[in-house]
N, C-alpha and C. Protein backbone atom coordinates (compact mmCIF):
# COMPACT_ATOMS: atom_id res chain seq x y z
N MET A 1 -16.42 -4.13 -1.94
CA MET A 1 -15.10 -4.58 -2.34
C MET A 1 -14.08 -3.65 -1.67
N LEU A 2 -13.19 -4.23 -0.88
CA LEU A 2 -12.09 -3.47 -0.31
C LEU A 2 -10.97 -3.38 -1.35
N ILE A 3 -10.46 -2.19 -1.57
CA ILE A 3 -9.36 -1.99 -2.52
C ILE A 3 -8.27 -1.21 -1.80
N THR A 4 -7.05 -1.74 -1.85
CA THR A 4 -5.94 -1.06 -1.18
C THR A 4 -4.66 -1.16 -2.01
N THR A 5 -3.82 -0.15 -1.88
CA THR A 5 -2.53 -0.18 -2.57
C THR A 5 -1.49 -0.97 -1.79
N THR A 6 -1.83 -1.35 -0.56
CA THR A 6 -0.89 -2.11 0.27
C THR A 6 -0.97 -3.60 -0.04
N ASN A 7 -0.03 -4.34 0.48
CA ASN A 7 0.02 -5.79 0.24
C ASN A 7 -0.72 -6.60 1.30
N ASP A 8 -1.30 -5.91 2.28
CA ASP A 8 -2.08 -6.59 3.31
C ASP A 8 -3.21 -5.68 3.75
N LEU A 9 -4.10 -6.20 4.57
CA LEU A 9 -5.21 -5.43 5.10
C LEU A 9 -5.15 -5.49 6.62
N PRO A 10 -4.73 -4.44 7.28
CA PRO A 10 -4.69 -4.45 8.74
C PRO A 10 -6.06 -4.81 9.31
N GLY A 11 -6.08 -5.72 10.25
CA GLY A 11 -7.32 -6.16 10.86
C GLY A 11 -8.00 -7.30 10.12
N TYR A 12 -7.40 -7.74 9.01
CA TYR A 12 -7.96 -8.82 8.21
C TYR A 12 -6.92 -9.92 8.02
N GLU A 13 -7.42 -11.13 7.88
CA GLU A 13 -6.58 -12.26 7.52
C GLU A 13 -6.88 -12.62 6.06
N ILE A 14 -5.84 -12.75 5.26
CA ILE A 14 -6.01 -13.17 3.87
C ILE A 14 -6.18 -14.68 3.89
N THR A 15 -7.36 -15.15 3.51
CA THR A 15 -7.64 -16.59 3.57
C THR A 15 -7.38 -17.29 2.25
N GLU A 16 -7.39 -16.51 1.15
CA GLU A 16 -7.13 -17.11 -0.15
C GLU A 16 -6.70 -16.05 -1.14
N VAL A 17 -5.66 -16.36 -1.90
CA VAL A 17 -5.21 -15.49 -2.98
C VAL A 17 -5.78 -16.07 -4.27
N LEU A 18 -6.53 -15.24 -5.01
CA LEU A 18 -7.25 -15.73 -6.18
C LEU A 18 -6.60 -15.33 -7.50
N GLY A 19 -5.61 -14.46 -7.45
CA GLY A 19 -4.87 -14.12 -8.65
C GLY A 19 -5.03 -12.67 -9.10
N GLU A 20 -4.33 -12.33 -10.16
CA GLU A 20 -4.37 -10.98 -10.70
C GLU A 20 -5.71 -10.68 -11.34
N VAL A 21 -6.13 -9.43 -11.20
CA VAL A 21 -7.34 -8.95 -11.87
C VAL A 21 -7.02 -7.62 -12.54
N PHE A 22 -7.71 -7.36 -13.65
CA PHE A 22 -7.44 -6.17 -14.45
C PHE A 22 -8.74 -5.49 -14.85
N GLY A 23 -8.66 -4.22 -15.09
CA GLY A 23 -9.70 -3.45 -15.74
C GLY A 23 -9.00 -2.60 -16.78
N LEU A 24 -9.44 -2.68 -18.02
CA LEU A 24 -8.76 -1.97 -19.12
C LEU A 24 -9.73 -1.12 -19.91
N THR A 25 -9.22 -0.04 -20.46
CA THR A 25 -9.93 0.73 -21.47
C THR A 25 -8.88 1.38 -22.37
N VAL A 26 -9.26 1.60 -23.60
CA VAL A 26 -8.42 2.36 -24.54
C VAL A 26 -9.27 3.53 -25.00
N ARG A 27 -8.74 4.71 -24.82
CA ARG A 27 -9.46 5.93 -25.17
C ARG A 27 -8.76 6.64 -26.32
N SER A 28 -9.55 7.19 -27.21
CA SER A 28 -8.99 8.01 -28.28
C SER A 28 -9.20 9.46 -27.93
N ARG A 29 -8.31 10.28 -28.41
CA ARG A 29 -8.44 11.72 -28.21
C ARG A 29 -9.20 12.27 -29.41
N ASN A 30 -10.27 13.00 -29.14
CA ASN A 30 -11.01 13.56 -30.28
C ASN A 30 -10.38 14.87 -30.72
N ILE A 31 -10.63 15.23 -31.95
CA ILE A 31 -9.98 16.40 -32.54
C ILE A 31 -10.35 17.68 -31.80
N GLY A 32 -11.58 17.76 -31.30
CA GLY A 32 -12.00 18.95 -30.55
C GLY A 32 -11.20 19.15 -29.28
N SER A 33 -11.00 18.06 -28.53
CA SER A 33 -10.24 18.19 -27.29
C SER A 33 -8.78 18.47 -27.58
N GLN A 34 -8.25 17.93 -28.67
CA GLN A 34 -6.86 18.20 -29.02
C GLN A 34 -6.68 19.66 -29.40
N LEU A 35 -7.61 20.22 -30.17
CA LEU A 35 -7.52 21.64 -30.54
C LEU A 35 -7.66 22.53 -29.32
N GLY A 36 -8.63 22.21 -28.47
CA GLY A 36 -8.83 22.99 -27.25
C GLY A 36 -7.61 22.93 -26.35
N ALA A 37 -7.01 21.75 -26.23
CA ALA A 37 -5.81 21.59 -25.40
C ALA A 37 -4.66 22.37 -26.01
N GLY A 38 -4.57 22.37 -27.34
CA GLY A 38 -3.50 23.12 -28.00
C GLY A 38 -3.61 24.61 -27.73
N PHE A 39 -4.83 25.15 -27.82
CA PHE A 39 -5.04 26.57 -27.54
C PHE A 39 -4.76 26.89 -26.07
N LYS A 40 -5.22 26.01 -25.18
CA LYS A 40 -5.04 26.23 -23.75
C LYS A 40 -3.56 26.19 -23.38
N SER A 41 -2.79 25.36 -24.07
CA SER A 41 -1.37 25.26 -23.75
C SER A 41 -0.63 26.55 -24.08
N LEU A 42 -1.21 27.38 -24.92
CA LEU A 42 -0.58 28.67 -25.24
C LEU A 42 -0.66 29.64 -24.07
N VAL A 43 -1.72 29.56 -23.28
CA VAL A 43 -1.91 30.49 -22.17
C VAL A 43 -1.70 29.84 -20.81
N GLY A 44 -1.64 28.53 -20.78
CA GLY A 44 -1.43 27.81 -19.52
C GLY A 44 -2.74 27.52 -18.81
N GLY A 45 -2.67 26.67 -17.83
CA GLY A 45 -3.84 26.33 -17.03
C GLY A 45 -4.25 24.88 -17.21
N GLU A 46 -5.21 24.49 -16.40
CA GLU A 46 -5.71 23.12 -16.42
C GLU A 46 -6.52 22.84 -17.68
N LEU A 47 -6.34 21.65 -18.22
CA LEU A 47 -7.13 21.18 -19.36
C LEU A 47 -8.31 20.40 -18.77
N LYS A 48 -9.38 21.12 -18.44
CA LYS A 48 -10.48 20.52 -17.67
C LYS A 48 -11.15 19.36 -18.39
N GLY A 49 -11.32 19.47 -19.70
CA GLY A 49 -11.92 18.37 -20.44
C GLY A 49 -11.06 17.12 -20.41
N MET A 50 -9.75 17.29 -20.53
CA MET A 50 -8.82 16.15 -20.48
C MET A 50 -8.79 15.57 -19.06
N THR A 51 -8.82 16.45 -18.05
CA THR A 51 -8.84 15.97 -16.67
C THR A 51 -10.08 15.14 -16.40
N GLN A 52 -11.23 15.62 -16.84
CA GLN A 52 -12.48 14.88 -16.62
C GLN A 52 -12.45 13.55 -17.35
N ASN A 53 -11.88 13.52 -18.55
CA ASN A 53 -11.76 12.27 -19.30
C ASN A 53 -10.92 11.26 -18.53
N LEU A 54 -9.83 11.73 -17.91
CA LEU A 54 -8.98 10.83 -17.12
C LEU A 54 -9.72 10.33 -15.89
N VAL A 55 -10.44 11.21 -15.20
CA VAL A 55 -11.23 10.80 -14.03
C VAL A 55 -12.24 9.74 -14.42
N ASP A 56 -12.98 9.99 -15.51
CA ASP A 56 -13.98 9.02 -15.98
C ASP A 56 -13.33 7.69 -16.34
N SER A 57 -12.19 7.75 -17.00
CA SER A 57 -11.49 6.53 -17.42
C SER A 57 -11.03 5.73 -16.22
N ARG A 58 -10.50 6.39 -15.21
CA ARG A 58 -10.04 5.69 -14.01
C ARG A 58 -11.20 5.03 -13.28
N GLU A 59 -12.33 5.73 -13.17
CA GLU A 59 -13.50 5.14 -12.53
C GLU A 59 -13.97 3.91 -13.31
N GLU A 60 -13.92 4.00 -14.64
CA GLU A 60 -14.35 2.89 -15.49
C GLU A 60 -13.46 1.66 -15.29
N VAL A 61 -12.14 1.86 -15.28
CA VAL A 61 -11.26 0.69 -15.17
C VAL A 61 -11.29 0.10 -13.77
N ILE A 62 -11.51 0.94 -12.75
CA ILE A 62 -11.66 0.39 -11.39
C ILE A 62 -12.91 -0.49 -11.35
N GLN A 63 -14.02 -0.02 -11.92
CA GLN A 63 -15.25 -0.81 -11.92
C GLN A 63 -15.05 -2.13 -12.66
N ARG A 64 -14.35 -2.10 -13.78
CA ARG A 64 -14.10 -3.34 -14.53
C ARG A 64 -13.22 -4.29 -13.74
N MET A 65 -12.23 -3.76 -13.02
CA MET A 65 -11.38 -4.61 -12.19
C MET A 65 -12.20 -5.24 -11.06
N VAL A 66 -13.06 -4.45 -10.43
CA VAL A 66 -13.91 -4.95 -9.35
C VAL A 66 -14.82 -6.06 -9.88
N GLU A 67 -15.42 -5.85 -11.05
CA GLU A 67 -16.29 -6.89 -11.63
C GLU A 67 -15.52 -8.18 -11.87
N GLU A 68 -14.28 -8.06 -12.37
CA GLU A 68 -13.48 -9.27 -12.59
C GLU A 68 -13.15 -9.94 -11.26
N ALA A 69 -12.82 -9.15 -10.24
CA ALA A 69 -12.52 -9.71 -8.92
C ALA A 69 -13.73 -10.43 -8.35
N GLN A 70 -14.91 -9.84 -8.53
CA GLN A 70 -16.13 -10.47 -8.02
C GLN A 70 -16.39 -11.82 -8.68
N THR A 71 -16.05 -11.96 -9.96
CA THR A 71 -16.27 -13.25 -10.63
C THR A 71 -15.38 -14.34 -10.05
N THR A 72 -14.29 -13.96 -9.41
CA THR A 72 -13.40 -14.97 -8.79
C THR A 72 -13.85 -15.31 -7.37
N GLY A 73 -14.80 -14.54 -6.83
CA GLY A 73 -15.25 -14.73 -5.46
C GLY A 73 -14.48 -13.88 -4.46
N ALA A 74 -13.71 -12.94 -4.94
CA ALA A 74 -12.91 -12.09 -4.06
C ALA A 74 -13.80 -11.08 -3.34
N ASN A 75 -13.33 -10.64 -2.18
CA ASN A 75 -13.98 -9.53 -1.48
C ASN A 75 -13.00 -8.38 -1.25
N ALA A 76 -11.78 -8.51 -1.81
CA ALA A 76 -10.78 -7.45 -1.68
C ALA A 76 -9.78 -7.55 -2.83
N VAL A 77 -9.16 -6.41 -3.13
CA VAL A 77 -8.07 -6.35 -4.10
C VAL A 77 -6.89 -5.67 -3.42
N LEU A 78 -5.77 -6.37 -3.38
CA LEU A 78 -4.55 -5.84 -2.77
C LEU A 78 -3.58 -5.37 -3.86
N ALA A 79 -2.62 -4.56 -3.45
CA ALA A 79 -1.54 -4.08 -4.33
C ALA A 79 -2.11 -3.41 -5.58
N PHE A 80 -3.19 -2.63 -5.38
CA PHE A 80 -3.87 -1.95 -6.47
C PHE A 80 -2.97 -0.89 -7.09
N ARG A 81 -2.97 -0.83 -8.42
CA ARG A 81 -2.18 0.14 -9.18
C ARG A 81 -2.93 0.58 -10.43
N PHE A 82 -2.51 1.75 -10.95
CA PHE A 82 -2.92 2.22 -12.27
C PHE A 82 -1.70 2.18 -13.17
N ASP A 83 -1.94 1.98 -14.46
CA ASP A 83 -0.89 2.09 -15.46
C ASP A 83 -1.51 2.72 -16.70
N THR A 84 -0.76 3.58 -17.35
CA THR A 84 -1.23 4.17 -18.61
C THR A 84 -0.11 4.10 -19.62
N SER A 85 -0.50 4.03 -20.88
CA SER A 85 0.50 4.08 -21.96
C SER A 85 -0.17 4.62 -23.21
N ASP A 86 0.62 5.34 -23.98
CA ASP A 86 0.14 5.84 -25.27
C ASP A 86 0.26 4.74 -26.30
N MET A 87 -0.73 4.69 -27.17
CA MET A 87 -0.75 3.69 -28.23
C MET A 87 -1.02 4.41 -29.54
N GLY A 88 -0.07 4.44 -30.43
CA GLY A 88 -0.29 5.01 -31.75
C GLY A 88 -0.45 6.52 -31.79
N GLY A 89 -0.10 7.22 -30.74
CA GLY A 89 -0.16 8.67 -30.76
C GLY A 89 -1.52 9.27 -30.45
N ASN A 90 -2.61 8.60 -30.80
CA ASN A 90 -3.95 9.15 -30.56
C ASN A 90 -4.75 8.35 -29.54
N TRP A 91 -4.22 7.26 -29.08
CA TRP A 91 -4.94 6.40 -28.14
C TRP A 91 -4.14 6.29 -26.85
N THR A 92 -4.87 6.15 -25.76
CA THR A 92 -4.26 5.94 -24.46
C THR A 92 -4.90 4.72 -23.82
N GLU A 93 -4.07 3.80 -23.37
CA GLU A 93 -4.55 2.64 -22.61
C GLU A 93 -4.47 2.99 -21.14
N ILE A 94 -5.54 2.69 -20.41
CA ILE A 94 -5.57 2.89 -18.97
C ILE A 94 -5.92 1.56 -18.35
N CYS A 95 -5.11 1.15 -17.38
CA CYS A 95 -5.27 -0.16 -16.75
C CYS A 95 -5.28 -0.01 -15.23
N ALA A 96 -6.23 -0.65 -14.59
CA ALA A 96 -6.24 -0.81 -13.13
C ALA A 96 -5.98 -2.29 -12.87
N TYR A 97 -5.10 -2.58 -11.92
CA TYR A 97 -4.82 -3.98 -11.64
C TYR A 97 -4.43 -4.18 -10.18
N GLY A 98 -4.55 -5.41 -9.76
CA GLY A 98 -4.20 -5.78 -8.40
C GLY A 98 -4.36 -7.28 -8.22
N THR A 99 -4.29 -7.71 -6.96
CA THR A 99 -4.41 -9.12 -6.62
C THR A 99 -5.72 -9.35 -5.91
N ALA A 100 -6.57 -10.19 -6.48
CA ALA A 100 -7.86 -10.53 -5.88
C ALA A 100 -7.63 -11.52 -4.75
N VAL A 101 -8.28 -11.25 -3.61
CA VAL A 101 -8.14 -12.12 -2.44
C VAL A 101 -9.48 -12.26 -1.73
N ARG A 102 -9.53 -13.29 -0.89
CA ARG A 102 -10.62 -13.40 0.10
C ARG A 102 -10.00 -13.02 1.43
N ALA A 103 -10.66 -12.15 2.15
CA ALA A 103 -10.15 -11.68 3.42
C ALA A 103 -11.26 -11.75 4.46
N SER A 104 -10.87 -12.12 5.68
CA SER A 104 -11.83 -12.19 6.79
C SER A 104 -11.33 -11.31 7.93
N PRO A 105 -12.25 -10.60 8.59
CA PRO A 105 -11.83 -9.79 9.75
C PRO A 105 -11.23 -10.68 10.83
N ARG A 106 -10.17 -10.19 11.42
CA ARG A 106 -9.57 -10.93 12.56
C ARG A 106 -10.45 -10.74 13.77
N PRO A 107 -10.56 -11.79 14.57
CA PRO A 107 -11.40 -11.68 15.79
C PRO A 107 -10.78 -10.77 16.82
């Protein structure tokens, strides 16, 4: 699956636009990570557990978006983006989205 943040694929012709595709997850913050982050914020530095959680979440939503794109018959996703939002103070929604397309290499 080709994934790009651009609206086109150099060297490819877009033969069909199949529509928007999404990958979503909602993550809760556990009390241990919140306490650890609170202590770490007193001295500064990277919150490695929180960083790893974000990396894992992004990989998960990309995979879900790719799976949805594959069900449409797409071989590429254009205009790829991430979005996050807090929900209820303890939950974070992470979304990957883009436009599923069929693309063929130009001769």
